[in-house]
């Protein structure tokens, strides 16, 4: 794995070590820390259009997100959804999630994008042009907001 450079791969390109490393981070944060009681492995990681993004230090993944593609847009024209955004507890506040989001926007910024943000972190996504819509909702016992970013937004 790489140090400090953003990695991006589809499921078929992942090594077992890479897969283990980001699944460990996701379960450490979502299950152990946040007590999420819903299934983490939803089958979407396996889809050929899903792209996994992460930052690693040696074999340890310190930040991760994935971009999935929906055939039918959940909201307006947004067929791509950013999800599973996670940063290791000891690395928060360093801008790692922002680096990953910027990489996603470099690749997909010409398309509309959607995400479901934990309410307390919605401001981070707003900095990248995402706007909240609809009502707050509870997902896995945590308040979330749906957020949309239009395609071809002016450079950030």
N, C-alpha and C. Protein backbone atom coordinates (compact mmCIF):
# COMPACT_ATOMS: atom_id res chain seq x y z
N UNK A 1 0.83 -1.18 0.00
CA UNK A 1 0.00 0.00 0.00
C UNK A 1 0.87 1.24 0.00
N UNK A 2 0.26 2.32 -0.41
CA UNK A 2 1.00 3.56 -0.57
C UNK A 2 0.97 4.40 0.71
N UNK A 3 1.94 5.26 0.86
CA UNK A 3 1.98 6.19 1.98
C UNK A 3 1.62 7.59 1.49
N UNK A 4 0.58 8.17 2.08
CA UNK A 4 0.17 9.55 1.85
C UNK A 4 -0.39 9.85 0.47
N UNK A 5 -0.32 8.94 -0.48
CA UNK A 5 -0.96 9.20 -1.76
C UNK A 5 -2.32 8.50 -1.76
N UNK A 6 -3.25 9.11 -2.46
CA UNK A 6 -4.60 8.55 -2.50
C UNK A 6 -4.63 7.38 -3.47
N UNK A 7 -5.13 6.28 -2.98
CA UNK A 7 -5.30 5.08 -3.80
C UNK A 7 -6.75 5.03 -4.25
N UNK A 8 -6.99 4.51 -5.45
CA UNK A 8 -8.34 4.29 -5.92
C UNK A 8 -8.35 3.04 -6.78
N UNK A 9 -9.26 2.14 -6.44
CA UNK A 9 -9.35 0.87 -7.16
C UNK A 9 -10.78 0.36 -7.14
N UNK A 10 -11.11 -0.44 -8.15
CA UNK A 10 -12.37 -1.18 -8.12
C UNK A 10 -12.14 -2.45 -7.30
N UNK A 11 -13.21 -3.13 -6.97
CA UNK A 11 -13.09 -4.33 -6.14
C UNK A 11 -12.15 -5.36 -6.78
N UNK A 12 -12.29 -5.57 -8.07
CA UNK A 12 -11.46 -6.56 -8.76
C UNK A 12 -9.98 -6.24 -8.77
N UNK A 13 -9.63 -4.99 -8.55
CA UNK A 13 -8.23 -4.57 -8.53
C UNK A 13 -7.60 -4.64 -7.14
N UNK A 14 -8.43 -4.80 -6.11
CA UNK A 14 -7.93 -4.78 -4.73
C UNK A 14 -7.15 -6.04 -4.38
N UNK A 15 -6.11 -5.87 -3.60
CA UNK A 15 -5.44 -7.04 -3.01
C UNK A 15 -6.21 -7.42 -1.75
N UNK A 16 -6.03 -8.61 -1.28
CA UNK A 16 -6.70 -9.02 -0.04
C UNK A 16 -6.22 -8.18 1.14
N UNK A 17 -4.97 -7.77 1.14
CA UNK A 17 -4.44 -6.93 2.22
C UNK A 17 -5.12 -5.56 2.21
N UNK A 18 -5.30 -4.97 1.02
CA UNK A 18 -5.98 -3.67 0.92
C UNK A 18 -7.43 -3.79 1.39
N UNK A 19 -8.12 -4.82 0.92
CA UNK A 19 -9.51 -5.04 1.32
C UNK A 19 -9.62 -5.19 2.83
N UNK A 20 -8.79 -6.02 3.41
CA UNK A 20 -8.81 -6.22 4.86
C UNK A 20 -8.58 -4.90 5.60
N UNK A 21 -7.63 -4.11 5.12
CA UNK A 21 -7.26 -2.87 5.82
C UNK A 21 -8.41 -1.87 5.84
N UNK A 22 -9.12 -1.69 4.73
CA UNK A 22 -10.19 -0.71 4.80
C UNK A 22 -11.44 -1.27 5.45
N UNK A 23 -11.67 -2.58 5.35
CA UNK A 23 -12.80 -3.15 6.10
C UNK A 23 -12.54 -3.08 7.60
N UNK A 24 -11.30 -3.23 8.02
CA UNK A 24 -10.97 -3.09 9.44
C UNK A 24 -11.27 -1.68 9.92
N UNK A 25 -10.85 -0.67 9.16
CA UNK A 25 -11.13 0.70 9.55
C UNK A 25 -12.63 0.94 9.62
N UNK A 26 -13.36 0.50 8.61
CA UNK A 26 -14.81 0.71 8.61
C UNK A 26 -15.47 0.04 9.82
N UNK A 27 -15.09 -1.18 10.13
CA UNK A 27 -15.72 -1.85 11.28
C UNK A 27 -15.26 -1.25 12.60
N UNK A 28 -13.98 -0.86 12.71
CA UNK A 28 -13.50 -0.22 13.95
C UNK A 28 -14.30 1.04 14.26
N UNK A 29 -14.57 1.84 13.24
CA UNK A 29 -15.28 3.10 13.47
C UNK A 29 -16.79 2.89 13.52
N UNK A 30 -17.36 2.26 12.51
CA UNK A 30 -18.81 2.16 12.45
C UNK A 30 -19.39 1.22 13.50
N UNK A 31 -18.75 0.09 13.77
CA UNK A 31 -19.30 -0.88 14.72
C UNK A 31 -18.80 -0.68 16.14
N UNK A 32 -17.49 -0.58 16.30
CA UNK A 32 -16.94 -0.49 17.65
C UNK A 32 -17.17 0.89 18.24
N UNK A 33 -16.79 1.93 17.49
CA UNK A 33 -16.89 3.30 18.01
C UNK A 33 -18.32 3.85 17.97
N UNK A 34 -18.98 3.76 16.81
CA UNK A 34 -20.29 4.38 16.66
C UNK A 34 -21.46 3.44 16.96
N UNK A 35 -21.18 2.18 17.21
CA UNK A 35 -22.21 1.19 17.59
C UNK A 35 -23.29 1.02 16.53
N UNK A 36 -22.92 1.13 15.26
CA UNK A 36 -23.88 0.92 14.17
C UNK A 36 -24.34 -0.54 14.22
N UNK A 37 -25.65 -0.71 14.09
CA UNK A 37 -26.20 -2.06 14.21
C UNK A 37 -26.79 -2.58 12.90
N UNK A 38 -26.38 -1.99 11.79
CA UNK A 38 -26.83 -2.45 10.49
C UNK A 38 -25.66 -3.09 9.76
N UNK A 39 -25.97 -3.91 8.77
CA UNK A 39 -24.95 -4.64 8.04
C UNK A 39 -23.97 -3.70 7.34
N UNK A 40 -22.70 -3.92 7.56
CA UNK A 40 -21.66 -3.12 6.91
C UNK A 40 -21.42 -3.62 5.48
N UNK A 41 -21.49 -4.91 5.30
CA UNK A 41 -21.22 -5.50 3.99
C UNK A 41 -22.54 -5.65 3.24
N UNK A 42 -22.83 -4.66 2.40
CA UNK A 42 -24.12 -4.58 1.73
C UNK A 42 -24.09 -5.06 0.28
N UNK A 43 -22.95 -5.58 -0.16
CA UNK A 43 -22.83 -6.05 -1.54
C UNK A 43 -22.40 -4.98 -2.52
N UNK A 44 -22.49 -3.72 -2.14
CA UNK A 44 -22.15 -2.63 -3.06
C UNK A 44 -20.64 -2.53 -3.31
N UNK A 45 -19.83 -2.98 -2.35
CA UNK A 45 -18.37 -2.95 -2.55
C UNK A 45 -17.95 -3.77 -3.76
N UNK A 46 -18.68 -4.82 -4.04
CA UNK A 46 -18.33 -5.77 -5.09
C UNK A 46 -18.67 -5.30 -6.50
N UNK A 47 -19.56 -4.33 -6.62
CA UNK A 47 -20.04 -3.93 -7.94
C UNK A 47 -18.91 -3.38 -8.80
N UNK A 48 -18.90 -3.72 -10.08
CA UNK A 48 -17.79 -3.29 -10.95
C UNK A 48 -17.67 -1.79 -11.11
N UNK A 49 -18.75 -1.03 -10.87
CA UNK A 49 -18.68 0.43 -11.00
C UNK A 49 -18.30 1.12 -9.69
N UNK A 50 -18.23 0.39 -8.59
CA UNK A 50 -17.83 0.99 -7.31
C UNK A 50 -16.33 1.24 -7.31
N UNK A 51 -15.96 2.45 -6.87
CA UNK A 51 -14.54 2.80 -6.77
C UNK A 51 -14.24 3.10 -5.31
N UNK A 52 -13.21 2.44 -4.79
CA UNK A 52 -12.77 2.61 -3.40
C UNK A 52 -11.59 3.58 -3.39
N UNK A 53 -11.65 4.55 -2.48
CA UNK A 53 -10.58 5.54 -2.31
C UNK A 53 -10.06 5.42 -0.89
N UNK A 54 -8.74 5.49 -0.72
CA UNK A 54 -8.20 5.46 0.64
C UNK A 54 -6.82 6.07 0.72
N UNK A 55 -6.47 6.41 1.95
CA UNK A 55 -5.12 6.85 2.31
C UNK A 55 -4.57 5.85 3.30
N UNK A 56 -3.32 5.47 3.12
CA UNK A 56 -2.73 4.47 3.98
C UNK A 56 -1.38 4.92 4.50
N UNK A 57 -1.03 4.36 5.63
CA UNK A 57 0.33 4.47 6.19
C UNK A 57 0.80 3.04 6.35
N UNK A 58 1.69 2.63 5.51
CA UNK A 58 2.08 1.22 5.50
C UNK A 58 0.87 0.39 5.13
N UNK A 59 0.59 -0.64 5.91
CA UNK A 59 -0.57 -1.48 5.65
C UNK A 59 -1.83 -1.01 6.37
N UNK A 60 -1.75 0.12 7.06
CA UNK A 60 -2.91 0.63 7.81
C UNK A 60 -3.62 1.71 7.00
N UNK A 61 -4.91 1.50 6.76
CA UNK A 61 -5.72 2.52 6.10
C UNK A 61 -6.16 3.52 7.16
N UNK A 62 -5.92 4.82 6.92
CA UNK A 62 -6.26 5.86 7.89
C UNK A 62 -7.48 6.68 7.46
N UNK A 63 -7.88 6.59 6.19
CA UNK A 63 -9.08 7.26 5.70
C UNK A 63 -9.58 6.51 4.47
N UNK A 64 -10.90 6.49 4.32
CA UNK A 64 -11.50 5.70 3.25
C UNK A 64 -12.86 6.30 2.87
N UNK A 65 -13.24 6.10 1.62
CA UNK A 65 -14.60 6.29 1.16
C UNK A 65 -14.79 5.46 -0.10
N UNK A 66 -16.05 5.29 -0.47
CA UNK A 66 -16.34 4.60 -1.72
C UNK A 66 -17.34 5.43 -2.51
N UNK A 67 -17.32 5.23 -3.83
CA UNK A 67 -18.27 5.87 -4.72
C UNK A 67 -19.02 4.75 -5.42
N UNK A 68 -20.35 4.73 -5.22
CA UNK A 68 -21.17 3.72 -5.88
C UNK A 68 -22.00 4.39 -6.97
N UNK A 69 -22.48 3.58 -7.88
CA UNK A 69 -23.29 4.10 -8.98
C UNK A 69 -24.65 3.42 -8.96
N UNK A 70 -25.70 4.22 -8.98
CA UNK A 70 -27.07 3.73 -9.03
C UNK A 70 -27.61 3.89 -10.44
N UNK A 71 -28.24 2.84 -10.95
CA UNK A 71 -28.82 2.92 -12.28
C UNK A 71 -29.92 3.98 -12.33
N UNK A 72 -30.74 4.00 -11.28
CA UNK A 72 -31.80 5.00 -11.16
C UNK A 72 -31.37 6.00 -10.10
N UNK A 73 -31.35 7.27 -10.46
CA UNK A 73 -30.92 8.32 -9.53
C UNK A 73 -31.85 8.38 -8.32
N UNK A 74 -31.26 8.45 -7.15
CA UNK A 74 -32.04 8.60 -5.91
C UNK A 74 -32.62 10.01 -5.79
N UNK A 75 -31.92 10.99 -6.32
CA UNK A 75 -32.36 12.39 -6.25
C UNK A 75 -31.90 13.11 -7.51
N UNK A 76 -32.84 13.78 -8.16
CA UNK A 76 -32.56 14.52 -9.38
C UNK A 76 -31.73 13.68 -10.35
N UNK A 77 -30.56 14.19 -10.76
CA UNK A 77 -29.73 13.49 -11.75
C UNK A 77 -28.48 12.85 -11.15
N UNK A 78 -28.47 12.63 -9.84
CA UNK A 78 -27.27 12.09 -9.17
C UNK A 78 -27.30 10.56 -9.17
N UNK A 79 -26.52 9.99 -10.06
CA UNK A 79 -26.40 8.54 -10.14
C UNK A 79 -25.25 8.01 -9.29
N UNK A 80 -24.32 8.87 -8.91
CA UNK A 80 -23.18 8.45 -8.08
C UNK A 80 -23.38 8.93 -6.65
N UNK A 81 -23.03 8.06 -5.72
CA UNK A 81 -23.22 8.34 -4.30
C UNK A 81 -21.91 8.09 -3.57
N UNK A 82 -21.44 9.09 -2.83
CA UNK A 82 -20.26 8.93 -1.98
C UNK A 82 -20.73 8.36 -0.65
N UNK A 83 -20.04 7.35 -0.17
CA UNK A 83 -20.45 6.75 1.09
C UNK A 83 -19.30 6.11 1.84
N UNK A 84 -19.65 5.64 3.05
CA UNK A 84 -18.70 4.97 3.94
C UNK A 84 -17.48 5.83 4.21
N UNK A 85 -17.67 7.15 4.29
CA UNK A 85 -16.56 8.06 4.56
C UNK A 85 -16.13 7.84 6.01
N UNK A 86 -14.84 7.53 6.19
CA UNK A 86 -14.37 7.20 7.52
C UNK A 86 -12.90 7.57 7.67
N UNK A 87 -12.56 8.09 8.86
CA UNK A 87 -11.18 8.45 9.18
C UNK A 87 -10.85 7.82 10.53
N UNK A 88 -9.68 7.25 10.65
CA UNK A 88 -9.24 6.64 11.92
C UNK A 88 -9.31 7.68 13.03
N UNK A 89 -9.72 7.26 14.22
CA UNK A 89 -9.92 8.18 15.35
C UNK A 89 -8.68 9.02 15.64
N UNK A 90 -7.51 8.42 15.54
CA UNK A 90 -6.29 9.14 15.89
C UNK A 90 -5.78 10.04 14.76
N UNK A 91 -6.51 10.10 13.65
CA UNK A 91 -6.09 10.91 12.51
C UNK A 91 -7.12 11.97 12.11
N UNK A 92 -8.17 12.10 12.88
CA UNK A 92 -9.20 13.09 12.57
C UNK A 92 -8.67 14.50 12.77
N UNK A 93 -9.22 15.42 12.00
CA UNK A 93 -8.81 16.81 12.10
C UNK A 93 -7.61 17.16 11.24
N UNK A 94 -7.12 16.22 10.46
CA UNK A 94 -5.95 16.45 9.60
C UNK A 94 -6.33 16.73 8.14
N UNK A 95 -7.63 16.74 7.84
CA UNK A 95 -8.07 17.00 6.47
C UNK A 95 -8.03 15.79 5.56
N UNK A 96 -7.95 14.59 6.12
CA UNK A 96 -7.85 13.39 5.28
C UNK A 96 -9.12 13.14 4.48
N UNK A 97 -10.29 13.30 5.10
CA UNK A 97 -11.55 13.11 4.38
C UNK A 97 -11.66 14.14 3.26
N UNK A 98 -11.22 15.37 3.54
CA UNK A 98 -11.26 16.41 2.51
C UNK A 98 -10.39 16.05 1.31
N UNK A 99 -9.25 15.46 1.57
CA UNK A 99 -8.38 15.03 0.46
C UNK A 99 -9.07 13.98 -0.40
N UNK A 100 -9.76 13.04 0.26
CA UNK A 100 -10.46 12.00 -0.49
C UNK A 100 -11.62 12.59 -1.30
N UNK A 101 -12.38 13.48 -0.70
CA UNK A 101 -13.51 14.10 -1.41
C UNK A 101 -12.99 14.90 -2.61
N UNK A 102 -11.90 15.63 -2.42
CA UNK A 102 -11.32 16.39 -3.54
C UNK A 102 -10.92 15.45 -4.68
N UNK A 103 -10.39 14.28 -4.35
CA UNK A 103 -10.02 13.30 -5.38
C UNK A 103 -11.26 12.80 -6.12
N UNK A 104 -12.34 12.56 -5.39
CA UNK A 104 -13.59 12.13 -6.03
C UNK A 104 -14.08 13.22 -6.97
N UNK A 105 -14.04 14.48 -6.52
CA UNK A 105 -14.51 15.57 -7.36
C UNK A 105 -13.62 15.77 -8.58
N UNK A 106 -12.35 15.49 -8.45
CA UNK A 106 -11.45 15.56 -9.62
C UNK A 106 -11.90 14.57 -10.69
N UNK A 107 -12.36 13.42 -10.25
CA UNK A 107 -12.77 12.38 -11.20
C UNK A 107 -14.22 12.53 -11.64
N UNK A 108 -15.12 12.86 -10.71
CA UNK A 108 -16.56 12.85 -10.99
C UNK A 108 -17.24 14.20 -10.86
N UNK A 109 -16.49 15.27 -10.70
CA UNK A 109 -17.09 16.59 -10.48
C UNK A 109 -17.96 17.08 -11.63
N UNK A 110 -17.78 16.51 -12.80
CA UNK A 110 -18.60 16.89 -13.95
C UNK A 110 -19.98 16.22 -13.89
N UNK A 111 -20.18 15.34 -12.90
CA UNK A 111 -21.46 14.65 -12.71
C UNK A 111 -22.10 15.13 -11.41
N UNK A 112 -23.42 15.03 -11.33
CA UNK A 112 -24.11 15.30 -10.07
C UNK A 112 -23.75 14.19 -9.09
N UNK A 113 -23.62 14.54 -7.82
CA UNK A 113 -23.24 13.58 -6.78
C UNK A 113 -24.18 13.70 -5.60
N UNK A 114 -24.32 12.60 -4.88
CA UNK A 114 -25.18 12.54 -3.72
C UNK A 114 -24.41 11.90 -2.58
N UNK A 115 -24.76 12.26 -1.35
CA UNK A 115 -24.23 11.56 -0.19
C UNK A 115 -25.22 11.70 0.96
N UNK A 116 -25.08 10.81 1.93
CA UNK A 116 -25.87 10.86 3.16
C UNK A 116 -24.88 11.16 4.28
N UNK A 117 -24.93 12.39 4.77
CA UNK A 117 -23.94 12.85 5.74
C UNK A 117 -24.47 12.70 7.16
N UNK A 118 -23.60 12.23 8.06
CA UNK A 118 -23.96 12.33 9.47
C UNK A 118 -24.10 13.82 9.75
N UNK A 119 -25.16 14.18 10.45
CA UNK A 119 -25.53 15.59 10.61
C UNK A 119 -24.36 16.46 11.09
N UNK A 120 -23.58 15.96 12.04
CA UNK A 120 -22.53 16.80 12.62
C UNK A 120 -21.41 17.13 11.64
N UNK A 121 -21.30 16.39 10.54
CA UNK A 121 -20.21 16.60 9.60
C UNK A 121 -20.68 17.23 8.29
N UNK A 122 -21.96 17.59 8.21
CA UNK A 122 -22.52 18.14 6.96
C UNK A 122 -21.76 19.39 6.50
N UNK A 123 -21.25 20.18 7.41
CA UNK A 123 -20.50 21.38 7.04
C UNK A 123 -19.28 21.09 6.19
N UNK A 124 -18.65 19.96 6.43
CA UNK A 124 -17.49 19.55 5.63
C UNK A 124 -17.90 19.41 4.17
N UNK A 125 -19.00 18.74 3.93
CA UNK A 125 -19.45 18.51 2.55
C UNK A 125 -19.95 19.80 1.91
N UNK A 126 -20.53 20.69 2.70
CA UNK A 126 -21.00 21.97 2.18
C UNK A 126 -19.83 22.76 1.59
N UNK A 127 -18.65 22.64 2.16
CA UNK A 127 -17.46 23.33 1.63
C UNK A 127 -17.15 22.90 0.20
N UNK A 128 -17.63 21.72 -0.18
CA UNK A 128 -17.38 21.19 -1.52
C UNK A 128 -18.58 21.37 -2.45
N UNK A 129 -19.56 22.17 -2.02
CA UNK A 129 -20.70 22.46 -2.87
C UNK A 129 -21.90 21.55 -2.69
N UNK A 130 -21.87 20.66 -1.71
CA UNK A 130 -23.03 19.81 -1.44
C UNK A 130 -24.06 20.61 -0.64
N UNK A 131 -25.32 20.48 -1.01
CA UNK A 131 -26.40 21.17 -0.34
C UNK A 131 -27.38 20.16 0.23
N UNK A 132 -27.78 20.38 1.49
CA UNK A 132 -28.73 19.48 2.14
C UNK A 132 -30.11 19.65 1.52
N UNK A 133 -30.85 18.55 1.48
CA UNK A 133 -32.24 18.60 1.01
C UNK A 133 -33.05 17.58 1.81
N UNK A 134 -34.32 17.82 1.88
CA UNK A 134 -35.21 16.89 2.58
C UNK A 134 -35.04 16.98 4.09
N UNK A 135 -35.71 16.06 4.77
CA UNK A 135 -35.69 16.02 6.22
C UNK A 135 -34.52 15.20 6.73
N UNK A 136 -34.10 15.50 7.95
CA UNK A 136 -33.11 14.64 8.62
C UNK A 136 -33.73 13.27 8.78
N UNK A 137 -32.88 12.25 8.78
CA UNK A 137 -33.37 10.90 8.98
C UNK A 137 -32.36 10.12 9.81
N UNK A 138 -32.84 9.08 10.44
CA UNK A 138 -31.97 8.24 11.26
C UNK A 138 -31.53 7.04 10.43
N UNK A 139 -30.23 6.85 10.35
CA UNK A 139 -29.67 5.69 9.68
C UNK A 139 -28.74 5.04 10.67
N UNK A 140 -29.01 3.80 11.01
CA UNK A 140 -28.21 3.07 12.00
C UNK A 140 -28.16 3.81 13.33
N UNK A 141 -29.27 4.51 13.66
CA UNK A 141 -29.35 5.21 14.93
C UNK A 141 -28.62 6.54 14.98
N UNK A 142 -28.14 7.03 13.82
CA UNK A 142 -27.38 8.29 13.75
C UNK A 142 -28.12 9.23 12.81
N UNK A 143 -28.33 10.49 13.22
CA UNK A 143 -29.01 11.46 12.37
C UNK A 143 -28.16 11.80 11.15
N UNK A 144 -28.82 11.77 9.99
CA UNK A 144 -28.18 12.04 8.71
C UNK A 144 -28.97 13.08 7.94
N UNK A 145 -28.29 13.69 6.99
CA UNK A 145 -28.89 14.58 6.00
C UNK A 145 -28.50 14.08 4.62
N UNK A 146 -29.44 14.12 3.69
CA UNK A 146 -29.11 13.86 2.29
C UNK A 146 -28.54 15.14 1.72
N UNK A 147 -27.48 15.02 0.93
CA UNK A 147 -26.83 16.20 0.35
C UNK A 147 -26.56 15.95 -1.13
N UNK A 148 -26.76 16.98 -1.94
CA UNK A 148 -26.65 16.91 -3.40
C UNK A 148 -25.65 17.95 -3.88
N UNK A 149 -24.86 17.57 -4.86
CA UNK A 149 -23.93 18.51 -5.50
C UNK A 149 -24.20 18.44 -6.99
N UNK A 150 -24.55 19.57 -7.58
CA UNK A 150 -24.86 19.63 -9.00
C UNK A 150 -23.62 19.40 -9.85
N UNK A 151 -23.83 18.91 -11.04
CA UNK A 151 -22.73 18.73 -11.99
C UNK A 151 -22.23 20.08 -12.46
N UNK A 152 -20.96 20.11 -12.89
CA UNK A 152 -20.35 21.31 -13.47
C UNK A 152 -20.38 22.51 -12.55
N UNK A 153 -20.28 22.28 -11.27
CA UNK A 153 -20.20 23.37 -10.31
C UNK A 153 -18.91 24.13 -10.55
N UNK A 154 -18.93 25.42 -10.32
CA UNK A 154 -17.73 26.24 -10.49
C UNK A 154 -16.60 25.66 -9.66
N UNK A 155 -15.35 25.82 -10.10
CA UNK A 155 -14.20 25.29 -9.34
C UNK A 155 -14.24 25.75 -7.88
N UNK A 156 -13.82 24.86 -7.01
CA UNK A 156 -13.84 25.18 -5.59
C UNK A 156 -12.60 25.93 -5.18
